[in-house]
Amino acid sequence: MKAGVTVHLKKEQDDSYDIVIGNGILPSLGHELSKRRIGSRYAVITDTRVARLWAKPVLSSLRKERLAARYVTFQGREASKNLAAVSLLLEKLSWLGLDRSSCVIALGGGVVGDVAGFVAATYMRGIPLVQVPTTLLAMADSSVGGKTGVDLHAGKNLAGAFHQPRLVFIDVCVLSTLPKKELRSGMAEVIKHAVIGDAKMFSLLEQEIERVYALDMACIGKLVKRNCAIKARIVEQDERECNLRKIANYGHTIGHALESLTAYRRYSHGEAIAIGMAAEALIAEKQGVLSAKDRQRQNALLRRAGFDLAFPKDIAIREVLAEIRKDKKAIDKAARFALPAGIGMMHQVKGRFGIAVDERIVRSALEESR
């Protein structure tokens, strides 16, 4: 005899949130939090460098609105993006006495956002999160969409959770203190978004990319807004990366393998993704889905942005293929790629965007990319 009970869990909650973008708006963060009543208390999680620059203005803004806030720091490097850092931060939140009505503010770049987001997703089984990105990469990509997580020895972002923020607050003014290498790193994600979903933005970048490096905040603000709109459109249709959201992984399958094989020390995230985009565009051309003209156009823009696109000669291709088989997007250890069909559009097979590619084609593309 068998008996059973069905647990009905049809979601009815609205997880929508605003992305506030401006120039010089950081002092108004406290007001934005207060009017939304996001949390009773706040823990600002940041790294040591960002804390020196921006923790005081953020705390002053919150306290002006009589919002209780403290900040905690960790080393916001890729090497610190691990479960040990998460464990330490969780303990710190407990020591501060945060409860389920409290809120985490992630103040920093992509690593800070990923780690702080994972902390918010797991502390007391989930508390509110606010993203305040301070790098172009985080503004254009990682602060929007709810992906959080850390690296394991086996690979990048293998432990994580989807945890949408209650608010993303972007002040492009903070980019004035960003090292040029970090600004360039963010441009890889900006160009990626143009390739996967906005041909007009790609043309705009071809005309105005030098204005970004000149710190033209009006231009940067316009680009950040367009990037956030692309990311929002994708996430609204596929929050959990079941299909459409896979297109945002363009360049990341090979890029993540490259980061892992160089222990996250040789390349910034953007540098690795740019190399990955060049190699994966060549895969798309070899698959017959991308024209040589569009591949060359993409690569020309990446080079103008300051990226070296040559795949390193000292990394064995067999090691890259082994990393790709471990990638979280792989199915039965078979590589899956998001491949462009042109500038502003992605290739799909029977409505699916994660495309299986024969390893011989991947190997050939990597050999030609050296």
Protein backbone atom coordinates (compact mmCIF):
# COMPACT_ATOMS: atom_id res chain seq x y z
CA MET A 1 0.00 0.00 0.00
CA LYS A 2 1.26 3.46 -0.91
CA ALA A 3 0.13 6.86 0.32
CA GLY A 4 1.32 10.31 -0.58
CA VAL A 5 0.81 14.00 -0.07
CA THR A 6 1.41 16.76 -2.63
CA VAL A 7 3.10 19.94 -1.44
CA HIS A 8 1.61 22.82 -3.46
CA LEU A 9 4.14 25.64 -3.80
CA LYS A 10 2.97 27.87 -6.62
CA LYS A 11 4.84 31.13 -6.12
CA GLU A 12 2.82 34.30 -5.85
CA GLN A 13 5.44 36.73 -4.53
CA ASP A 14 6.66 39.63 -6.66
CA ASP A 15 10.47 39.79 -6.75
CA SER A 16 10.65 42.84 -9.01
CA TYR A 17 13.18 45.51 -8.11
CA ASP A 18 14.47 48.86 -9.31
CA ILE A 19 17.87 49.66 -10.78
CA VAL A 20 18.65 53.27 -9.85
CA ILE A 21 21.39 54.82 -12.02
CA GLY A 22 22.93 58.27 -11.71
CA ASN A 23 26.05 60.39 -11.37
CA GLY A 24 26.88 61.63 -7.86
CA ILE A 25 23.85 59.98 -6.24
CA LEU A 26 25.62 57.97 -3.51
CA PRO A 27 24.54 60.42 -0.74
CA SER A 28 20.90 59.56 -1.54
CA LEU A 29 21.31 55.81 -0.93
CA GLY A 30 19.92 56.07 2.61
CA HIS A 31 16.82 57.87 1.34
CA GLU A 32 16.22 55.19 -1.33
CA LEU A 33 16.47 52.45 1.32
CA SER A 34 14.29 54.31 3.80
CA LYS A 35 11.42 54.93 1.39
CA ARG A 36 11.44 51.27 0.31
CA ARG A 37 11.63 49.96 3.91
CA ILE A 38 13.94 47.17 2.84
CA GLY A 39 15.53 46.37 6.19
CA SER A 40 15.46 47.22 9.89
CA ARG A 41 19.28 47.10 10.16
CA TYR A 42 22.05 46.99 7.58
CA ALA A 43 25.38 45.21 7.23
CA VAL A 44 27.55 46.70 4.50
CA ILE A 45 29.84 43.96 3.16
CA THR A 46 32.79 45.36 1.24
CA ASP A 47 36.48 44.80 0.57
CA THR A 48 39.32 46.67 2.24
CA ARG A 49 40.10 48.95 -0.73
CA VAL A 50 36.49 49.97 -1.36
CA ALA A 51 35.95 50.48 2.38
CA ARG A 52 38.69 53.13 2.44
CA LEU A 53 37.02 55.01 -0.40
CA TRP A 54 33.28 54.57 -0.01
CA ALA A 55 32.27 52.96 3.31
CA LYS A 56 32.14 56.29 5.17
CA PRO A 57 29.88 58.06 2.61
CA VAL A 58 27.56 55.04 2.50
CA LEU A 59 27.28 54.80 6.29
CA SER A 60 26.76 58.56 6.56
CA SER A 61 23.93 58.37 4.03
CA LEU A 62 22.22 55.59 5.99
CA ARG A 63 22.67 57.20 9.38
CA LYS A 64 21.29 60.47 8.04
CA GLU A 65 18.04 58.54 7.57
CA ARG A 66 18.44 57.02 11.07
CA LEU A 67 19.13 53.58 9.63
CA ALA A 68 21.32 51.38 11.85
CA ALA A 69 24.34 50.21 9.87
CA ARG A 70 27.76 48.60 10.33
CA TYR A 71 30.29 47.46 7.79
CA VAL A 72 32.39 44.32 7.57
CA THR A 73 35.27 43.65 5.19
CA PHE A 74 37.09 40.79 3.52
CA GLN A 75 39.78 40.53 0.86
CA GLY A 76 37.73 41.03 -2.29
CA ARG A 77 39.98 39.08 -4.64
CA GLU A 78 39.01 36.06 -6.73
CA ALA A 79 41.28 33.95 -4.51
CA SER A 80 39.06 34.97 -1.56
CA LYS A 81 35.84 34.00 -3.32
CA ASN A 82 35.41 30.77 -1.39
CA LEU A 83 33.36 29.06 1.31
CA ALA A 84 35.87 30.07 4.00
CA ALA A 85 35.15 33.75 3.31
CA VAL A 86 31.40 33.08 3.36
CA SER A 87 31.67 31.24 6.68
CA LEU A 88 33.62 34.09 8.27
CA LEU A 89 31.15 36.70 7.04
CA LEU A 90 28.17 34.67 8.27
CA GLU A 91 29.78 34.54 11.72
CA LYS A 92 30.30 38.32 11.62
CA LEU A 93 26.63 38.92 10.80
CA SER A 94 25.71 36.74 13.75
CA TRP A 95 28.08 38.66 16.05
CA LEU A 96 26.45 41.90 14.89
CA GLY A 97 23.07 40.51 15.91
CA LEU A 98 21.42 40.69 12.50
CA ASP A 99 18.04 38.98 12.22
CA ARG A 100 15.70 38.06 9.37
CA SER A 101 14.47 41.63 9.04
CA SER A 102 18.03 42.89 8.48
CA CYS A 103 19.59 43.59 5.09
CA VAL A 104 22.98 43.04 3.48
CA ILE A 105 24.42 45.78 1.26
CA ALA A 106 27.04 44.51 -1.20
CA LEU A 107 29.39 47.47 -1.76
CA GLY A 108 32.08 46.63 -4.28
CA GLY A 109 32.91 44.82 -7.50
CA GLY A 110 31.90 41.45 -8.85
CA VAL A 111 33.61 39.35 -6.19
CA VAL A 112 32.03 41.36 -3.38
CA GLY A 113 28.61 41.13 -5.01
CA ASP A 114 28.88 37.37 -5.52
CA VAL A 115 30.12 36.65 -2.00
CA ALA A 116 27.88 39.13 -0.16
CA GLY A 117 24.91 37.92 -2.20
CA PHE A 118 25.61 34.32 -1.22
CA VAL A 119 25.91 35.39 2.41
CA ALA A 120 22.52 37.14 2.18
CA ALA A 121 21.01 34.07 0.50
CA THR A 122 22.17 31.73 3.27
CA TYR A 123 22.10 33.79 6.48
CA MET A 124 18.99 32.68 8.38
CA ARG A 125 17.95 30.98 5.11
CA GLY A 126 17.81 34.29 3.29
CA ILE A 127 17.65 37.99 4.14
CA PRO A 128 17.22 41.03 1.86
CA LEU A 129 20.10 42.12 -0.37
CA VAL A 130 20.97 45.47 -1.94
CA GLN A 131 23.66 45.70 -4.61
CA VAL A 132 25.81 48.86 -4.76
CA PRO A 133 28.39 48.04 -7.45
CA THR A 134 31.62 50.04 -7.64
CA THR A 135 33.17 48.57 -10.82
CA LEU A 136 32.02 48.78 -14.42
CA LEU A 137 31.90 44.99 -14.59
CA ALA A 138 29.55 44.76 -11.63
CA MET A 139 27.41 47.67 -12.85
CA ALA A 140 27.02 46.23 -16.33
CA ASP A 141 26.55 42.61 -15.39
CA SER A 142 26.94 40.84 -12.06
CA SER A 143 24.87 43.14 -9.82
CA VAL A 144 21.70 42.42 -11.83
CA GLY A 145 20.01 39.03 -12.02
CA GLY A 146 20.40 37.41 -8.62
CA LYS A 147 23.32 35.08 -9.31
CA THR A 148 25.47 34.65 -6.21
CA GLY A 149 28.20 32.18 -5.40
CA VAL A 150 31.77 31.18 -4.76
CA ASP A 151 34.43 29.02 -6.36
CA LEU A 152 35.40 25.48 -5.41
CA HIS A 153 38.70 23.76 -6.11
CA ALA A 154 36.93 21.98 -8.97
CA GLY A 155 35.90 25.19 -10.73
CA LYS A 156 34.38 28.66 -10.78
CA ASN A 157 30.97 29.48 -9.25
CA LEU A 158 30.17 25.85 -8.44
CA ALA A 159 28.58 26.73 -5.09
CA GLY A 160 25.89 29.38 -5.15
CA ALA A 161 22.25 30.40 -5.12
CA PHE A 162 19.82 32.59 -7.00
CA HIS A 163 18.96 35.47 -4.66
CA GLN A 164 17.49 38.57 -6.28
CA PRO A 165 18.38 41.94 -4.76
CA ARG A 166 15.68 44.28 -3.48
CA LEU A 167 17.48 47.22 -5.10
CA VAL A 168 20.46 47.86 -7.36
CA PHE A 169 21.93 51.32 -6.76
CA ILE A 170 24.51 52.52 -9.30
CA ASP A 171 26.50 55.74 -8.95
CA VAL A 172 28.80 55.92 -11.98
CA CYS A 173 30.80 58.65 -10.22
CA VAL A 174 32.62 55.98 -8.18
CA LEU A 175 34.32 54.77 -11.37
CA SER A 176 36.56 57.85 -11.20
CA THR A 177 38.66 56.02 -8.58
CA LEU A 178 38.79 52.73 -10.49
CA PRO A 179 42.18 51.62 -11.88
CA LYS A 180 42.20 51.64 -15.70
CA LYS A 181 42.78 47.88 -15.81
CA GLU A 182 39.55 47.34 -13.86
CA LEU A 183 37.66 49.75 -16.11
CA ARG A 184 38.91 47.81 -19.13
CA SER A 185 37.88 44.53 -17.51
CA GLY A 186 34.30 45.76 -17.31
CA MET A 187 34.30 46.69 -20.99
CA ALA A 188 34.44 42.99 -21.90
CA GLU A 189 31.00 42.46 -20.34
CA VAL A 190 29.68 45.64 -21.96
CA ILE A 191 30.81 44.46 -25.40
CA LYS A 192 29.48 40.96 -24.66
CA HIS A 193 26.01 42.34 -23.96
CA ALA A 194 26.08 44.27 -27.22
CA VAL A 195 27.02 41.12 -29.15
CA ILE A 196 24.35 38.95 -27.55
CA GLY A 197 21.47 41.39 -27.61
CA ASP A 198 21.93 44.97 -28.84
CA ALA A 199 23.34 45.70 -32.30
CA LYS A 200 22.66 49.43 -31.88
CA MET A 201 24.72 49.53 -28.68
CA PHE A 202 27.52 47.74 -30.51
CA SER A 203 27.51 50.49 -33.15
CA LEU A 204 27.45 53.09 -30.37
CA LEU A 205 30.50 51.47 -28.77
CA GLU A 206 32.32 51.54 -32.10
CA GLN A 207 31.75 55.30 -32.14
CA GLU A 208 32.28 56.19 -28.47
CA ILE A 209 34.45 53.60 -26.72
CA GLU A 210 37.27 56.09 -26.14
CA ARG A 211 34.85 58.30 -24.17
CA VAL A 212 34.51 55.53 -21.58
CA TYR A 213 38.25 55.53 -20.90
CA ALA A 214 38.15 59.33 -20.76
CA LEU A 215 35.64 58.89 -17.90
CA ASP A 216 32.84 60.70 -19.71
CA MET A 217 30.20 59.97 -17.07
CA ALA A 218 27.27 60.85 -19.35
CA CYS A 219 28.48 58.27 -21.87
CA ILE A 220 29.18 55.68 -19.16
CA GLY A 221 25.78 56.23 -17.57
CA LYS A 222 24.08 55.71 -20.94
CA LEU A 223 25.99 52.46 -21.54
CA VAL A 224 25.34 51.14 -18.04
CA LYS A 225 21.61 51.79 -18.45
CA ARG A 226 21.53 49.92 -21.78
CA ASN A 227 23.48 47.01 -20.28
CA CYS A 228 21.12 46.79 -17.33
CA ALA A 229 18.13 46.86 -19.70
CA ILE A 230 19.56 43.93 -21.69
CA LYS A 231 20.28 41.94 -18.54
CA ALA A 232 16.85 42.75 -17.09
CA ARG A 233 15.09 41.63 -20.28
CA ILE A 234 16.92 38.30 -20.18
CA VAL A 235 16.35 37.70 -16.45
CA GLU A 236 12.65 38.57 -16.67
CA GLN A 237 12.19 35.77 -19.20
CA ASP A 238 14.53 33.21 -17.65
CA GLU A 239 15.46 33.93 -14.03
CA ARG A 240 16.96 30.49 -13.32
CA GLU A 241 19.00 30.09 -16.51
CA CYS A 242 16.92 27.29 -17.97
CA ASN A 243 17.42 28.49 -21.55
CA LEU A 244 17.53 32.14 -22.71
CA ARG A 245 19.78 33.31 -19.88
CA LYS A 246 22.47 30.94 -21.14
CA ILE A 247 23.30 33.53 -23.80
CA ALA A 248 24.90 35.67 -21.08
CA ASN A 249 27.52 32.90 -20.78
CA TYR A 250 28.98 33.83 -24.16
CA GLY A 251 32.76 33.88 -23.80
CA HIS A 252 32.57 32.41 -20.32
CA THR A 253 32.96 28.70 -21.08
CA ILE A 254 36.51 29.16 -22.36
CA GLY A 255 37.06 32.28 -20.25
CA HIS A 256 36.32 30.47 -16.99
CA ALA A 257 38.58 27.58 -18.00
CA LEU A 258 41.38 30.06 -18.65
CA GLU A 259 40.88 31.75 -15.28
CA SER A 260 40.91 28.42 -13.46
CA LEU A 261 44.01 27.10 -15.24
CA THR A 262 45.95 30.26 -14.36
CA ALA A 263 44.76 30.21 -10.72
CA TYR A 264 42.90 33.53 -11.19
CA ARG A 265 46.22 35.39 -11.12
CA ARG A 266 47.28 36.03 -14.72
CA TYR A 267 44.09 37.52 -16.16
CA SER A 268 41.37 39.79 -14.89
CA HIS A 269 37.87 38.42 -15.43
CA GLY A 270 37.34 40.75 -18.38
CA GLU A 271 40.64 39.79 -20.01
CA ALA A 272 39.75 36.09 -19.78
CA ILE A 273 36.24 36.68 -21.12
CA ALA A 274 37.58 38.70 -24.07
CA ILE A 275 39.87 35.80 -25.03
CA GLY A 276 36.91 33.47 -24.55
CA MET A 277 34.69 35.59 -26.81
CA ALA A 278 37.30 35.60 -29.57
CA ALA A 279 37.70 31.81 -29.38
CA GLU A 280 33.97 31.10 -29.11
CA ALA A 281 33.23 33.42 -32.04
CA LEU A 282 35.67 31.34 -34.07
CA ILE A 283 33.82 28.21 -32.94
CA ALA A 284 30.58 29.83 -34.15
CA GLU A 285 32.19 30.60 -37.50
CA LYS A 286 33.44 27.02 -37.82
CA GLN A 287 29.92 25.81 -36.98
CA GLY A 288 28.63 27.92 -39.86
CA VAL A 289 26.43 30.17 -37.71
CA LEU A 290 28.53 33.38 -37.61
CA SER A 291 30.05 35.24 -40.54
CA ALA A 292 33.77 35.98 -40.66
CA LYS A 293 32.86 39.66 -41.06
CA ASP A 294 30.92 39.79 -37.78
CA ARG A 295 33.62 37.85 -35.94
CA GLN A 296 36.26 40.26 -37.17
CA ARG A 297 34.07 43.22 -36.25
CA GLN A 298 33.70 41.91 -32.69
CA ASN A 299 37.43 41.28 -32.36
CA ALA A 300 38.29 44.73 -33.71
CA LEU A 301 36.16 46.36 -31.01
CA LEU A 302 37.68 44.17 -28.29
CA ARG A 303 41.17 45.15 -29.44
CA ARG A 304 40.20 48.84 -29.43
CA ALA A 305 39.06 48.30 -25.85
CA GLY A 306 42.62 47.19 -25.07
CA PHE A 307 42.34 43.39 -25.02
CA ASP A 308 44.91 40.89 -26.25
CA LEU A 309 42.84 38.12 -27.83
CA ALA A 310 45.55 35.51 -28.38
CA PHE A 311 45.00 32.27 -26.49
CA PRO A 312 48.13 31.60 -24.37
CA LYS A 313 50.60 29.20 -25.95
CA ASP A 314 51.76 27.79 -22.61
CA ILE A 315 48.36 26.32 -21.71
CA ALA A 316 47.72 22.84 -23.09
CA ILE A 317 44.47 22.54 -25.03
CA ARG A 318 43.78 19.16 -23.43
CA GLU A 319 43.71 20.94 -20.05
CA VAL A 320 41.24 23.49 -21.38
CA LEU A 321 38.98 20.73 -22.68
CA ALA A 322 39.15 18.99 -19.30
CA GLU A 323 38.07 22.22 -17.57
CA ILE A 324 35.21 22.70 -20.02
CA ARG A 325 33.91 19.21 -19.23
CA LYS A 326 33.70 20.26 -15.55
CA ASP A 327 31.90 23.51 -16.37
CA LYS A 328 28.50 23.84 -14.69
CA LYS A 329 26.90 24.35 -18.12
CA ALA A 330 28.17 20.98 -19.40
CA ILE A 331 25.74 18.07 -19.67
CA ASP A 332 27.16 14.56 -19.27
CA LYS A 333 30.62 16.16 -19.52
CA ALA A 334 29.80 17.45 -23.01
CA ALA A 335 30.62 21.08 -23.71
CA ARG A 336 27.74 23.52 -24.18
CA PHE A 337 28.32 26.95 -25.71
CA ALA A 338 26.28 30.10 -26.24
CA LEU A 339 27.18 31.09 -29.81
CA PRO A 340 26.45 34.34 -31.66
CA ALA A 341 24.64 34.26 -34.99
CA GLY A 342 25.53 37.88 -35.69
CA ILE A 343 26.05 41.17 -33.90
CA GLY A 344 23.09 41.51 -31.54
CA MET A 345 21.64 38.00 -31.88
CA MET A 346 22.41 34.49 -30.66
CA HIS A 347 22.18 31.11 -32.37
CA GLN A 348 19.59 28.60 -31.23
CA VAL A 349 18.76 25.01 -32.13
CA LYS A 350 15.11 24.01 -31.74
CA GLY A 351 14.62 26.98 -29.42
CA ARG A 352 17.60 26.10 -27.20
CA PHE A 353 20.59 28.39 -26.68
CA GLY A 354 23.03 25.97 -25.03
CA ILE A 355 24.65 24.42 -28.09
CA ALA A 356 26.61 21.16 -28.04
CA VAL A 357 29.90 21.47 -29.93
CA ASP A 358 32.20 18.65 -31.02
CA GLU A 359 35.48 18.83 -29.08
CA ARG A 360 37.41 18.61 -32.35
CA ILE A 361 35.95 21.97 -33.39
CA VAL A 362 36.78 23.48 -29.98
CA ARG A 363 40.35 22.17 -30.24
CA SER A 364 40.73 23.54 -33.77
CA ALA A 365 39.44 26.97 -32.73
CA LEU A 366 41.80 27.15 -29.76
CA GLU A 367 44.78 26.14 -31.90
CA GLU A 368 43.95 28.87 -34.42
CA SER A 369 43.47 31.41 -31.60
CA ARG A 370 47.04 31.11 -30.30
